Amino acid sequence: MLDGWRNQQLARNLAFGTINSREKTVRAFTRHADAFPWRWTPLMVDEWLGDLRAVHDLKRSTLRNYQEAVRSFCSYITDPLYGWSVECERRFGNHPVQVCHEWNTAVHVADAEADAGKRAFTRDELQAFFDHADAQVGLVREAGRKGWLSAFRDAALFKTAYAFGLRRNETRMLDTADLGRNPEGVEFGEYGVLYVRHGKAQKGSPPKRRSVLTVWPWAAEILEQWDTEVRPLFATADDGAMWPSERSPRIGFSQMNSRFALYRDALGLDKVLDFHSFRRSYVTHLIEDGWDARFVQEQVGHEHASTTSIYTCVSSDFRTRTLRRALDATLDAALKPARRAR
């Protein structure tokens, strides 16, 4: 059954990671139910999901993904075109049924299901984070310890993620070949545009590509220093990955996450801040600085403007200034007729 379901998903062009994750979920449910699929019942699903939520405290989006995996598997084995119902009835005197229904699964009704506490960095928090990352490079090097190259890499990586509004995997998968010139931004030299080749994909489609234009001069300066002076010092730099590690061509997620958490906690920053907060901050700060909303949407690769708006966490000062400008414009328009009359 699992092999057939896997082939069905491969035929739909789903990513290998998605297929493997779904199979892992179905196996986990099978162990919890302690029964084969032709003996599953909705009650087993209720008990399993109740345990995951009450005992293991899984996130809403995670639970919904688990439900979708089991639902998809049951849809496959109950489809008469694949013949599993007839085969199970012949062999075991029972047949599989759909156990995930509208009344025992969560519905995706919100545009954003992330933790409500997730937010962007304030400008002061962001500056403190980058200053701390830079300071670590000097401290490690002055102490004569190994690791200053890794500290420099991580500081440059964090700044790049913010400077271009990148997701974690988009940042990790960058190569040096993904940097290029922008004919309309010659002041940025060879670092005027960054080509993202591993953007977030939709179901059944390959990674979404986009180009992100450099908007801040300091971003090009950081990339140039890293690319020409520091990155070549890594023994694994010849493989072309933008962020190599000491032993492999490309840095791993665990290294990125642990370094981020280390710096955040050392500064006593809010634990709701995560790597994705760089992306939220990028959107927020561009909007606050007056950049066109459509431009920001294209930069971060959102298909809909409503998605970009979810990322925007503008400060109260920005809202106050926006309101003040609107009120001043309204008052000025109201006074113009009186001025003309005089």
C-alpha atoms as a PDB file:
ATOM      1  CA  MET A   1       0.000   0.000   0.000  1.00  0.00           C
ATOM      2  CA  LEU A   2       2.734   2.428   0.942  1.00  0.00           C
ATOM      3  CA  ASP A   3       4.709   1.638  -2.195  1.00  0.00           C
ATOM      4  CA  GLY A   4       1.670   2.248  -4.381  1.00  0.00           C
ATOM      5  CA  TRP A   5       0.825   5.459  -2.561  1.00  0.00           C
ATOM      6  CA  ARG A   6       4.407   6.615  -2.965  1.00  0.00           C
ATOM      7  CA  ASN A   7       4.251   5.991  -6.714  1.00  0.00           C
ATOM      8  CA  GLN A   8       0.986   7.917  -6.926  1.00  0.00           C
ATOM      9  CA  GLN A   9       2.595  10.914  -5.239  1.00  0.00           C
ATOM     10  CA  LEU A  10       5.652  10.653  -7.465  1.00  0.00           C
ATOM     11  CA  ALA A  11       3.317  10.749 -10.457  1.00  0.00           C
ATOM     12  CA  ARG A  12       1.861  13.979  -9.042  1.00  0.00           C
ATOM     13  CA  ASN A  13       5.393  15.421  -9.022  1.00  0.00           C
ATOM     14  CA  LEU A  14       5.425  15.976  -5.264  1.00  0.00           C
ATOM     15  CA  ALA A  15       8.793  16.604  -3.641  1.00  0.00           C
ATOM     16  CA  PHE A  16      10.665  13.634  -2.179  1.00  0.00           C
ATOM     17  CA  GLY A  17      10.775  15.395   1.175  1.00  0.00           C
ATOM     18  CA  THR A  18       6.986  15.750   1.200  1.00  0.00           C
ATOM     19  CA  ILE A  19       6.472  12.099   0.260  1.00  0.00           C
ATOM     20  CA  ASN A  20       8.910  10.818   2.886  1.00  0.00           C
ATOM     21  CA  SER A  21       7.371  13.011   5.575  1.00  0.00           C
ATOM     22  CA  ARG A  22       3.863  11.775   4.757  1.00  0.00           C
ATOM     23  CA  GLU A  23       4.947   8.143   4.823  1.00  0.00           C
ATOM     24  CA  LYS A  24       6.619   8.701   8.197  1.00  0.00           C
ATOM     25  CA  THR A  25       3.370  10.175   9.519  1.00  0.00           C
ATOM     26  CA  VAL A  26       1.273   7.235   8.301  1.00  0.00           C
ATOM     27  CA  ARG A  27       3.693   4.774   9.890  1.00  0.00           C
ATOM     28  CA  ALA A  28       3.505   6.719  13.159  1.00  0.00           C
ATOM     29  CA  PHE A  29      -0.299   6.555  13.120  1.00  0.00           C
ATOM     30  CA  THR A  30      -0.159   2.825  12.353  1.00  0.00           C
ATOM     31  CA  ARG A  31       2.030   2.231  15.411  1.00  0.00           C
ATOM     32  CA  HIS A  32      -0.295   4.295  17.603  1.00  0.00           C
ATOM     33  CA  ALA A  33      -3.441   2.551  16.328  1.00  0.00           C
ATOM     34  CA  ASP A  34      -1.700  -0.859  16.500  1.00  0.00           C
ATOM     35  CA  ALA A  35      -3.804  -1.966  13.552  1.00  0.00           C
ATOM     36  CA  PHE A  36      -3.531  -2.384   9.804  1.00  0.00           C
ATOM     37  CA  PRO A  37      -5.249   0.196   7.556  1.00  0.00           C
ATOM     38  CA  TRP A  38      -8.265  -2.033   6.814  1.00  0.00           C
ATOM     39  CA  ARG A  39      -9.089  -1.943  10.541  1.00  0.00           C
ATOM     40  CA  TRP A  40      -8.662   1.790  11.123  1.00  0.00           C
ATOM     41  CA  THR A  41     -11.566   3.797  12.548  1.00  0.00           C
ATOM     42  CA  PRO A  42     -12.207   7.514  13.052  1.00  0.00           C
ATOM     43  CA  LEU A  43     -11.978   6.914  16.823  1.00  0.00           C
ATOM     44  CA  MET A  44      -8.334   5.899  16.410  1.00  0.00           C
ATOM     45  CA  VAL A  45      -7.617   9.173  14.627  1.00  0.00           C
ATOM     46  CA  ASP A  46      -9.362  11.143  17.388  1.00  0.00           C
ATOM     47  CA  GLU A  47      -7.277   9.447  20.085  1.00  0.00           C
ATOM     48  CA  TRP A  48      -4.026   9.923  18.153  1.00  0.00           C
ATOM     49  CA  LEU A  49      -4.586  13.602  17.428  1.00  0.00           C
ATOM     50  CA  GLY A  50      -5.808  14.212  20.960  1.00  0.00           C
ATOM     51  CA  ASP A  51      -2.585  12.729  22.309  1.00  0.00           C
ATOM     52  CA  LEU A  52      -0.451  14.799  19.920  1.00  0.00           C
ATOM     53  CA  ARG A  53      -2.179  18.013  20.922  1.00  0.00           C
ATOM     54  CA  ALA A  54      -2.712  17.527  24.660  1.00  0.00           C
ATOM     55  CA  VAL A  55       0.461  15.636  25.562  1.00  0.00           C
ATOM     56  CA  HIS A  56       3.000  16.609  22.898  1.00  0.00           C
ATOM     57  CA  ASP A  57       1.633  20.144  22.344  1.00  0.00           C
ATOM     58  CA  LEU A  58       2.107  20.147  18.570  1.00  0.00           C
ATOM     59  CA  LYS A  59       1.390  23.277  16.566  1.00  0.00           C
ATOM     60  CA  ARG A  60      -1.878  23.673  14.664  1.00  0.00           C
ATOM     61  CA  SER A  61      -0.173  23.614  11.277  1.00  0.00           C
ATOM     62  CA  THR A  62       1.745  20.442  12.200  1.00  0.00           C
ATOM     63  CA  LEU A  63      -1.417  18.656  13.281  1.00  0.00           C
ATOM     64  CA  ARG A  64      -3.165  19.662  10.071  1.00  0.00           C
ATOM     65  CA  ASN A  65      -0.260  18.298   8.028  1.00  0.00           C
ATOM     66  CA  TYR A  66      -0.513  14.979   9.912  1.00  0.00           C
ATOM     67  CA  GLN A  67      -4.244  14.838   9.265  1.00  0.00           C
ATOM     68  CA  GLU A  68      -3.726  15.561   5.580  1.00  0.00           C
ATOM     69  CA  ALA A  69      -1.164  12.748   5.292  1.00  0.00           C
ATOM     70  CA  VAL A  70      -3.530  10.167   6.778  1.00  0.00           C
ATOM     71  CA  ARG A  71      -6.454  11.509   4.750  1.00  0.00           C
ATOM     72  CA  SER A  72      -4.443  11.304   1.531  1.00  0.00           C
ATOM     73  CA  PHE A  73      -3.353   7.726   2.257  1.00  0.00           C
ATOM     74  CA  CYS A  74      -6.924   6.659   3.012  1.00  0.00           C
ATOM     75  CA  SER A  75      -8.154   8.314  -0.180  1.00  0.00           C
ATOM     76  CA  TYR A  76      -5.659   6.237  -2.116  1.00  0.00           C
ATOM     77  CA  ILE A  77      -6.449   2.854  -0.528  1.00  0.00           C
ATOM     78  CA  THR A  78     -10.248   3.394  -0.714  1.00  0.00           C
ATOM     79  CA  ASP A  79     -10.195   4.474  -4.364  1.00  0.00           C
ATOM     80  CA  PRO A  80     -11.784   1.606  -6.357  1.00  0.00           C
ATOM     81  CA  LEU A  81      -9.399   2.310  -9.237  1.00  0.00           C
ATOM     82  CA  TYR A  82      -6.525   0.860  -7.191  1.00  0.00           C
ATOM     83  CA  GLY A  83      -8.400  -2.230  -6.020  1.00  0.00           C
ATOM     84  CA  TRP A  84      -7.253  -2.291  -2.411  1.00  0.00           C
ATOM     85  CA  SER A  85     -10.790  -2.495  -0.982  1.00  0.00           C
ATOM     86  CA  VAL A  86     -11.578  -5.606  -3.010  1.00  0.00           C
ATOM     87  CA  GLU A  87      -8.224  -7.215  -2.182  1.00  0.00           C
ATOM     88  CA  CYS A  88      -8.579  -6.571   1.568  1.00  0.00           C
ATOM     89  CA  GLU A  89     -12.138  -7.877   1.574  1.00  0.00           C
ATOM     90  CA  ARG A  90     -10.977 -11.058  -0.166  1.00  0.00           C
ATOM     91  CA  ARG A  91      -7.989 -11.638   2.125  1.00  0.00           C
ATOM     92  CA  PHE A  92      -9.181 -10.364   5.515  1.00  0.00           C
ATOM     93  CA  GLY A  93     -12.951 -10.071   5.284  1.00  0.00           C
ATOM     94  CA  ASN A  94     -12.702  -6.323   5.881  1.00  0.00           C
ATOM     95  CA  HIS A  95     -11.882  -3.256   3.822  1.00  0.00           C
ATOM     96  CA  PRO A  96     -10.295   0.179   4.503  1.00  0.00           C
ATOM     97  CA  VAL A  97     -12.425   3.290   4.956  1.00  0.00           C
ATOM     98  CA  GLN A  98     -11.708   7.014   5.110  1.00  0.00           C
ATOM     99  CA  VAL A  99     -11.048   7.872   8.766  1.00  0.00           C
ATOM    100  CA  CYS A 100     -10.387  11.608   8.397  1.00  0.00           C
ATOM    101  CA  HIS A 101     -13.602  13.557   7.998  1.00  0.00           C
ATOM    102  CA  GLU A 102     -14.803  17.122   8.289  1.00  0.00           C
ATOM    103  CA  TRP A 103     -15.939  16.574  11.872  1.00  0.00           C
ATOM    104  CA  ASN A 104     -12.635  15.212  13.264  1.00  0.00           C
ATOM    105  CA  THR A 105      -9.989  17.251  11.417  1.00  0.00           C
ATOM    106  CA  ALA A 106      -8.924  20.870  11.497  1.00  0.00           C
ATOM    107  CA  VAL A 107      -9.863  23.250   8.698  1.00  0.00           C
ATOM    108  CA  HIS A 108      -7.395  25.709   7.175  1.00  0.00           C
ATOM    109  CA  VAL A 109      -9.391  28.920   7.608  1.00  0.00           C
ATOM    110  CA  ALA A 110      -6.657  31.474   8.344  1.00  0.00           C
ATOM    111  CA  ASP A 111      -4.131  32.993   5.953  1.00  0.00           C
ATOM    112  CA  ALA A 112      -1.399  32.592   8.562  1.00  0.00           C
ATOM    113  CA  GLU A 113      -1.214  29.715  11.026  1.00  0.00           C
ATOM    114  CA  ALA A 114       2.112  30.595  12.596  1.00  0.00           C
ATOM    115  CA  ASP A 115       2.437  31.378  16.269  1.00  0.00           C
ATOM    116  CA  ALA A 116       0.758  34.718  16.890  1.00  0.00           C
ATOM    117  CA  GLY A 117       3.807  35.797  18.889  1.00  0.00           C
ATOM    118  CA  LYS A 118       6.129  35.634  15.875  1.00  0.00           C
ATOM    119  CA  ARG A 119       7.218  39.099  14.814  1.00  0.00           C
ATOM    120  CA  ALA A 120       9.889  41.183  13.155  1.00  0.00           C
ATOM    121  CA  PHE A 121      12.945  42.615  14.883  1.00  0.00           C
ATOM    122  CA  THR A 122      12.734  46.221  15.914  1.00  0.00           C
ATOM    123  CA  ARG A 123      15.488  48.292  14.341  1.00  0.00           C
ATOM    124  CA  ASP A 124      17.293  48.547  17.686  1.00  0.00           C
ATOM    125  CA  GLU A 125      17.074  44.776  18.236  1.00  0.00           C
ATOM    126  CA  LEU A 126      18.361  44.094  14.743  1.00  0.00           C
ATOM    127  CA  GLN A 127      21.294  46.467  15.160  1.00  0.00           C
ATOM    128  CA  ALA A 128      22.149  44.922  18.525  1.00  0.00           C
ATOM    129  CA  PHE A 129      22.033  41.433  17.002  1.00  0.00           C
ATOM    130  CA  PHE A 130      24.353  42.336  14.121  1.00  0.00           C
ATOM    131  CA  ASP A 131      26.739  44.225  16.420  1.00  0.00           C
ATOM    132  CA  HIS A 132      26.938  41.191  18.698  1.00  0.00           C
ATOM    133  CA  ALA A 133      27.607  38.890  15.729  1.00  0.00           C
ATOM    134  CA  ASP A 134      30.436  41.166  14.549  1.00  0.00           C
ATOM    135  CA  ALA A 135      31.900  41.357  18.043  1.00  0.00           C
ATOM    136  CA  GLN A 136      32.122  37.572  18.290  1.00  0.00           C
ATOM    137  CA  VAL A 137      34.440  37.462  15.295  1.00  0.00           C
ATOM    138  CA  GLY A 138      36.918  39.797  16.981  1.00  0.00           C
ATOM    139  CA  LEU A 139      36.688  38.069  20.349  1.00  0.00           C
ATOM    140  CA  VAL A 140      37.378  34.627  18.928  1.00  0.00           C
ATOM    141  CA  ARG A 141      40.240  35.853  16.780  1.00  0.00           C
ATOM    142  CA  GLU A 142      41.891  37.862  19.567  1.00  0.00           C
ATOM    143  CA  ALA A 143      41.710  34.849  21.885  1.00  0.00           C
ATOM    144  CA  GLY A 144      43.612  32.824  19.307  1.00  0.00           C
ATOM    145  CA  ARG A 145      40.892  30.207  19.138  1.00  0.00           C
ATOM    146  CA  LYS A 146      39.637  28.391  16.099  1.00  0.00           C
ATOM    147  CA  GLY A 147      36.261  29.347  14.755  1.00  0.00           C
ATOM    148  CA  TRP A 148      36.613  32.967  13.744  1.00  0.00           C
ATOM    149  CA  LEU A 149      35.953  32.005  10.117  1.00  0.00           C
ATOM    150  CA  SER A 150      32.679  30.342  11.122  1.00  0.00           C
ATOM    151  CA  ALA A 151      31.719  33.339  13.241  1.00  0.00           C
ATOM    152  CA  PHE A 152      32.432  35.674  10.319  1.00  0.00           C
ATOM    153  CA  ARG A 153      30.419  33.433   7.980  1.00  0.00           C
ATOM    154  CA  ASP A 154      27.422  33.402  10.290  1.00  0.00           C
ATOM    155  CA  ALA A 155      27.489  37.173  10.767  1.00  0.00           C
ATOM    156  CA  ALA A 156      27.547  37.657   6.985  1.00  0.00           C
ATOM    157  CA  LEU A 157      24.853  35.004   6.528  1.00  0.00           C
ATOM    158  CA  PHE A 158      22.474  36.685   8.988  1.00  0.00           C
ATOM    159  CA  LYS A 159      22.969  40.090   7.392  1.00  0.00           C
ATOM    160  CA  THR A 160      22.399  38.651   3.921  1.00  0.00           C
ATOM    161  CA  ALA A 161      19.172  36.946   5.016  1.00  0.00           C
ATOM    162  CA  TYR A 162      17.880  40.294   6.246  1.00  0.00           C
ATOM    163  CA  ALA A 163      19.284  42.387   3.378  1.00  0.00           C
ATOM    164  CA  PHE A 164      17.407  40.315   0.774  1.00  0.00           C
ATOM    165  CA  GLY A 165      14.413  39.059   2.785  1.00  0.00           C
ATOM    166  CA  LEU A 166      15.376  35.396   2.424  1.00  0.00           C
ATOM    167  CA  ARG A 167      13.876  32.288   3.942  1.00  0.00           C
ATOM    168  CA  ARG A 168      16.184  29.917   5.800  1.00  0.00           C
ATOM    169  CA  ASN A 169      16.539  27.352   2.996  1.00  0.00           C
ATOM    170  CA  GLU A 170      16.887  30.104   0.382  1.00  0.00           C
ATOM    171  CA  THR A 171      19.808  31.477   2.368  1.00  0.00           C
ATOM    172  CA  ARG A 172      21.452  28.112   2.911  1.00  0.00           C
ATOM    173  CA  MET A 173      21.227  27.051  -0.743  1.00  0.00           C
ATOM    174  CA  LEU A 174      22.830  30.166  -2.210  1.00  0.00           C
ATOM    175  CA  ASP A 175      25.858  29.703  -4.475  1.00  0.00           C
ATOM    176  CA  THR A 176      28.413  32.288  -5.521  1.00  0.00           C
ATOM    177  CA  ALA A 177      27.025  31.979  -9.059  1.00  0.00           C
ATOM    178  CA  ASP A 178      23.734  33.416  -7.796  1.00  0.00           C
ATOM    179  CA  LEU A 179      25.187  36.942  -7.590  1.00  0.00           C
ATOM    180  CA  GLY A 180      25.056  39.304 -10.522  1.00  0.00           C
ATOM    181  CA  ARG A 181      25.071  42.874 -11.775  1.00  0.00           C
ATOM    182  CA  ASN A 182      22.052  45.157 -11.933  1.00  0.00           C
ATOM    183  CA  PRO A 183      22.305  47.479 -14.987  1.00  0.00           C
ATOM    184  CA  GLU A 184      20.181  50.040 -13.135  1.00  0.00           C
ATOM    185  CA  GLY A 185      22.283  49.799  -9.983  1.00  0.00           C
ATOM    186  CA  VAL A 186      25.880  49.944 -11.180  1.00  0.00           C
ATOM    187  CA  GLU A 187      26.996  51.319  -7.818  1.00  0.00           C
ATOM    188  CA  PHE A 188      26.495  47.826  -6.365  1.00  0.00           C
ATOM    189  CA  GLY A 189      29.012  46.294  -8.785  1.00  0.00           C
ATOM    190  CA  GLU A 190      28.853  42.511  -9.041  1.00  0.00           C
ATOM    191  CA  TYR A 191      26.398  42.335  -6.154  1.00  0.00           C
ATOM    192  CA  GLY A 192      23.428  44.273  -7.482  1.00  0.00           C
ATOM    193  CA  VAL A 193      21.076  41.313  -7.784  1.00  0.00           C
ATOM    194  CA  LEU A 194      20.733  37.981  -6.033  1.00  0.00           C
ATOM    195  CA  TYR A 195      19.114  35.072  -7.869  1.00  0.00           C
ATOM    196  CA  VAL A 196      17.107  32.786  -5.584  1.00  0.00           C
ATOM    197  CA  ARG A 197      16.863  29.302  -7.119  1.00  0.00           C
ATOM    198  CA  HIS A 198      15.444  27.424  -4.140  1.00  0.00           C
ATOM    199  CA  GLY A 199      12.379  29.449  -3.251  1.00  0.00           C
ATOM    200  CA  LYS A 200       9.380  27.946  -1.507  1.00  0.00           C
ATOM    201  CA  ALA A 201       7.590  25.611  -3.923  1.00  0.00           C
ATOM    202  CA  GLN A 202       3.900  24.958  -4.315  1.00  0.00           C
ATOM    203  CA  LYS A 203       2.639  21.378  -4.187  1.00  0.00           C
ATOM    204  CA  GLY A 204       3.721  19.405  -7.219  1.00  0.00           C
ATOM    205  CA  SER A 205       5.942  22.159  -8.604  1.00  0.00           C
ATOM    206  CA  PRO A 206       9.712  22.714  -8.542  1.00  0.00           C
ATOM    207  CA  PRO A 207      11.309  25.366  -6.319  1.00  0.00           C
ATOM    208  CA  LYS A 208      10.134  28.848  -7.218  1.00  0.00           C
ATOM    209  CA  ARG A 209      12.798  31.144  -8.638  1.00  0.00           C
ATOM    210  CA  ARG A 210      13.057  34.896  -8.320  1.00  0.00           C
ATOM    211  CA  SER A 211      15.598  37.683  -8.473  1.00  0.00           C
ATOM    212  CA  VAL A 212      16.045  40.068  -5.551  1.00  0.00           C
ATOM    213  CA  LEU A 213      17.548  43.489  -6.197  1.00  0.00           C
ATOM    214  CA  THR A 214      20.027  44.971  -3.756  1.00  0.00           C
ATOM    215  CA  VAL A 215      18.499  48.011  -2.058  1.00  0.00           C
ATOM    216  CA  TRP A 216      21.117  48.919   0.563  1.00  0.00           C
ATOM    217  CA  PRO A 217      24.774  49.723  -0.267  1.00  0.00           C
ATOM    218  CA  TRP A 218      26.013  48.020   2.900  1.00  0.00           C
ATOM    219  CA  ALA A 219      24.579  44.699   1.672  1.00  0.00           C
ATOM    220  CA  ALA A 220      26.793  44.752  -1.429  1.00  0.00           C
ATOM    221  CA  GLU A 221      29.829  45.685   0.698  1.00  0.00           C
ATOM    222  CA  ILE A 222      29.272  42.748   3.056  1.00  0.00           C
ATOM    223  CA  LEU A 223      28.847  40.278   0.203  1.00  0.00           C
ATOM    224  CA  GLU A 224      31.944  41.557  -1.575  1.00  0.00           C
ATOM    225  CA  GLN A 225      34.122  41.279   1.532  1.00  0.00           C
ATOM    226  CA  TRP A 226      32.820  37.804   2.304  1.00  0.00           C
ATOM    227  CA  ASP A 227      33.058  36.541  -1.273  1.00  0.00           C
ATOM    228  CA  THR A 228      36.505  37.877  -2.100  1.00  0.00           C
ATOM    229  CA  GLU A 229      38.400  37.918   1.211  1.00  0.00           C
ATOM    230  CA  VAL A 230      36.983  35.474   3.752  1.00  0.00           C
ATOM    231  CA  ARG A 231      35.079  32.706   1.997  1.00  0.00           C
ATOM    232  CA  PRO A 232      38.143  31.524  -0.028  1.00  0.00           C
ATOM    233  CA  LEU A 233      39.859  30.687   3.292  1.00  0.00           C
ATOM    234  CA  PHE A 234      37.525  27.721   3.823  1.00  0.00           C
ATOM    235  CA  ALA A 235      38.968  24.396   2.669  1.00  0.00           C
ATOM    236  CA  THR A 236      35.617  23.490   1.107  1.00  0.00           C
ATOM    237  CA  ALA A 237      35.170  26.813  -0.745  1.00  0.00           C
ATOM    238  CA  ASP A 238      35.921  25.354  -4.181  1.00  0.00           C
ATOM    239  CA  ASP A 239      32.513  23.687  -4.376  1.00  0.00           C
ATOM    240  CA  GLY A 240      30.840  27.035  -4.998  1.00  0.00           C
ATOM    241  CA  ALA A 241      28.377  27.151  -2.096  1.00  0.00           C
ATOM    242  CA  MET A 242      27.988  30.619  -0.634  1.00  0.00           C
ATOM    243  CA  TRP A 243      28.146  29.420   2.974  1.00  0.00           C
ATOM    244  CA  PRO A 244      30.594  26.493   3.336  1.00  0.00           C
ATOM    245  CA  SER A 245      31.389  24.829   6.645  1.00  0.00           C
ATOM    246  CA  GLU A 246      34.697  23.494   7.879  1.00  0.00           C
ATOM    247  CA  ARG A 247      33.935  19.899   6.864  1.00  0.00           C
ATOM    248  CA  SER A 248      31.252  20.095   4.167  1.00  0.00           C
ATOM    249  CA  PRO A 249      30.554  22.253   1.134  1.00  0.00           C
ATOM    250  CA  ARG A 250      27.417  23.780   2.647  1.00  0.00           C
ATOM    251  CA  ILE A 251      26.354  24.831   6.123  1.00  0.00           C
ATOM    252  CA  GLY A 252      23.587  22.812   7.798  1.00  0.00           C
ATOM    253  CA  PHE A 253      20.317  23.989   9.300  1.00  0.00           C
ATOM    254  CA  SER A 254      21.383  22.952  12.794  1.00  0.00           C
ATOM    255  CA  GLN A 255      24.430  25.222  12.629  1.00  0.00           C
ATOM    256  CA  MET A 256      22.321  28.156  11.463  1.00  0.00           C
ATOM    257  CA  ASN A 257      19.675  27.620  14.133  1.00  0.00           C
ATOM    258  CA  SER A 258      22.064  27.054  17.011  1.00  0.00           C
ATOM    259  CA  ARG A 259      24.158  30.136  16.223  1.00  0.00           C
ATOM    260  CA  PHE A 260      21.045  32.289  15.856  1.00  0.00           C
ATOM    261  CA  ALA A 261      19.627  31.073  19.178  1.00  0.00           C
ATOM    262  CA  LEU A 262      23.012  31.563  20.878  1.00  0.00           C
ATOM    263  CA  TYR A 263      23.237  35.221  19.829  1.00  0.00           C
ATOM    264  CA  ARG A 264      19.578  35.945  20.538  1.00  0.00           C
ATOM    265  CA  ASP A 265      19.703  34.462  24.034  1.00  0.00           C
ATOM    266  CA  ALA A 266      23.035  36.139  24.827  1.00  0.00           C
ATOM    267  CA  LEU A 267      21.389  39.504  24.185  1.00  0.00           C
ATOM    268  CA  GLY A 268      18.268  38.589  26.150  1.00  0.00           C
ATOM    269  CA  LEU A 269      16.026  39.137  23.138  1.00  0.00           C
ATOM    270  CA  ASP A 270      12.499  37.799  22.930  1.00  0.00           C
ATOM    271  CA  LYS A 271      12.475  34.055  22.206  1.00  0.00           C
ATOM    272  CA  VAL A 272       9.668  34.512  19.657  1.00  0.00           C
ATOM    273  CA  LEU A 273      12.312  35.915  17.326  1.00  0.00           C
ATOM    274  CA  ASP A 274      13.545  33.243  14.920  1.00  0.00           C
ATOM    275  CA  PHE A 275      15.467  33.100  11.651  1.00  0.00           C
ATOM    276  CA  HIS A 276      12.307  33.950   9.712  1.00  0.00           C
ATOM    277  CA  SER A 277      12.144  37.219  11.668  1.00  0.00           C
ATOM    278  CA  PHE A 278      14.851  38.543   9.318  1.00  0.00           C
ATOM    279  CA  ARG A 279      12.372  38.173   6.453  1.00  0.00           C
ATOM    280  CA  ARG A 280       9.580  39.798   8.450  1.00  0.00           C
ATOM    281  CA  SER A 281      11.923  42.655   9.329  1.00  0.00           C
ATOM    282  CA  TYR A 282      12.929  43.153   5.693  1.00  0.00           C
ATOM    283  CA  VAL A 283       9.306  43.558   4.609  1.00  0.00           C
ATOM    284  CA  THR A 284       8.441  45.755   7.566  1.00  0.00           C
ATOM    285  CA  HIS A 285      11.395  48.106   7.256  1.00  0.00           C
ATOM    286  CA  LEU A 286      10.986  48.584   3.503  1.00  0.00           C
ATOM    287  CA  ILE A 287       7.322  49.479   3.961  1.00  0.00           C
ATOM    288  CA  GLU A 288       8.163  51.852   6.795  1.00  0.00           C
ATOM    289  CA  ASP A 289      10.822  53.523   4.652  1.00  0.00           C
ATOM    290  CA  GLY A 290       8.282  54.242   1.934  1.00  0.00           C
ATOM    291  CA  TRP A 291       9.126  51.583  -0.659  1.00  0.00           C
ATOM    292  CA  ASP A 292       6.291  50.680  -3.007  1.00  0.00           C
ATOM    293  CA  ALA A 293       4.234  47.745  -1.701  1.00  0.00           C
ATOM    294  CA  ARG A 294       4.240  46.029  -5.099  1.00  0.00           C
ATOM    295  CA  PHE A 295       8.035  46.245  -5.256  1.00  0.00           C
ATOM    296  CA  VAL A 296       8.311  44.664  -1.804  1.00  0.00           C
ATOM    297  CA  GLN A 297       5.927  41.891  -2.834  1.00  0.00           C
ATOM    298  CA  GLU A 298       8.059  41.067  -5.881  1.00  0.00           C
ATOM    299  CA  GLN A 299      11.267  41.181  -3.844  1.00  0.00           C
ATOM    300  CA  VAL A 300      10.085  38.540  -1.375  1.00  0.00           C
ATOM    301  CA  GLY A 301       8.309  36.433  -4.004  1.00  0.00           C
ATOM    302  CA  HIS A 302       4.758  36.559  -2.666  1.00  0.00           C
ATOM    303  CA  GLU A 303       2.070  35.684  -5.178  1.00  0.00           C
ATOM    304  CA  HIS A 304      -0.558  37.735  -3.352  1.00  0.00           C
ATOM    305  CA  ALA A 305      -0.270  41.149  -1.706  1.00  0.00           C
ATOM    306  CA  SER A 306      -2.291  39.839   1.239  1.00  0.00           C
ATOM    307  CA  THR A 307       0.589  37.492   2.104  1.00  0.00           C
ATOM    308  CA  THR A 308       3.031  40.404   2.184  1.00  0.00           C
ATOM    309  CA  SER A 309       0.682  42.309   4.468  1.00  0.00           C
ATOM    310  CA  ILE A 310       0.780  39.430   6.970  1.00  0.00           C
ATOM    311  CA  TYR A 311       4.566  39.843   7.186  1.00  0.00           C
ATOM    312  CA  THR A 312       4.336  43.579   7.791  1.00  0.00           C
ATOM    313  CA  CYS A 313       4.722  44.480  11.461  1.00  0.00           C
ATOM    314  CA  VAL A 314       4.974  48.248  11.255  1.00  0.00           C
ATOM    315  CA  SER A 315       5.779  50.164  14.413  1.00  0.00           C
ATOM    316  CA  SER A 316       3.371  52.466  16.218  1.00  0.00           C
ATOM    317  CA  ASP A 317       5.576  55.432  15.226  1.00  0.00           C
ATOM    318  CA  PHE A 318       5.119  54.569  11.557  1.00  0.00           C
ATOM    319  CA  ARG A 319       1.345  54.359  11.960  1.00  0.00           C
ATOM    320  CA  THR A 320       1.315  57.673  13.798  1.00  0.00           C
ATOM    321  CA  ARG A 321       3.331  59.383  11.056  1.00  0.00           C
ATOM    322  CA  THR A 322       1.075  57.912   8.382  1.00  0.00           C
ATOM    323  CA  LEU A 323      -2.027  59.156  10.194  1.00  0.00           C
ATOM    324  CA  ARG A 324      -0.470  62.593  10.665  1.00  0.00           C
ATOM    325  CA  ARG A 325       0.305  62.897   6.952  1.00  0.00           C
ATOM    326  CA  ALA A 326      -3.240  61.866   6.046  1.00  0.00           C
ATOM    327  CA  LEU A 327      -4.782  64.349   8.478  1.00  0.00           C
ATOM    328  CA  ASP A 328      -2.517  67.160   7.280  1.00  0.00           C
ATOM    329  CA  ALA A 329      -3.405  66.422   3.654  1.00  0.00           C
ATOM    330  CA  THR A 330      -7.127  66.436   4.487  1.00  0.00           C
ATOM    331  CA  LEU A 331      -6.838  69.699   6.389  1.00  0.00           C
ATOM    332  CA  ASP A 332      -4.800  71.310   3.627  1.00  0.00           C
ATOM    333  CA  ALA A 333      -7.372  70.274   1.010  1.00  0.00           C
ATOM    334  CA  ALA A 334     -10.184  71.720   3.129  1.00  0.00           C
ATOM    335  CA  LEU A 335      -8.411  75.057   3.555  1.00  0.00           C
ATOM    336  CA  LYS A 336      -7.546  75.546  -0.131  1.00  0.00           C
ATOM    337  CA  PRO A 337     -10.996  76.947  -1.116  1.00  0.00           C
ATOM    338  CA  ALA A 338     -10.839  79.477   1.702  1.00  0.00           C
ATOM    339  CA  ARG A 339      -7.351  80.575   0.625  1.00  0.00           C
ATOM    340  CA  ARG A 340      -8.496  81.019  -2.985  1.00  0.00           C
ATOM    341  CA  ALA A 341     -11.509  83.082  -1.856  1.00  0.00           C
ATOM    342  CA  ARG A 342      -9.264  85.461   0.069  1.00  0.00           C
END
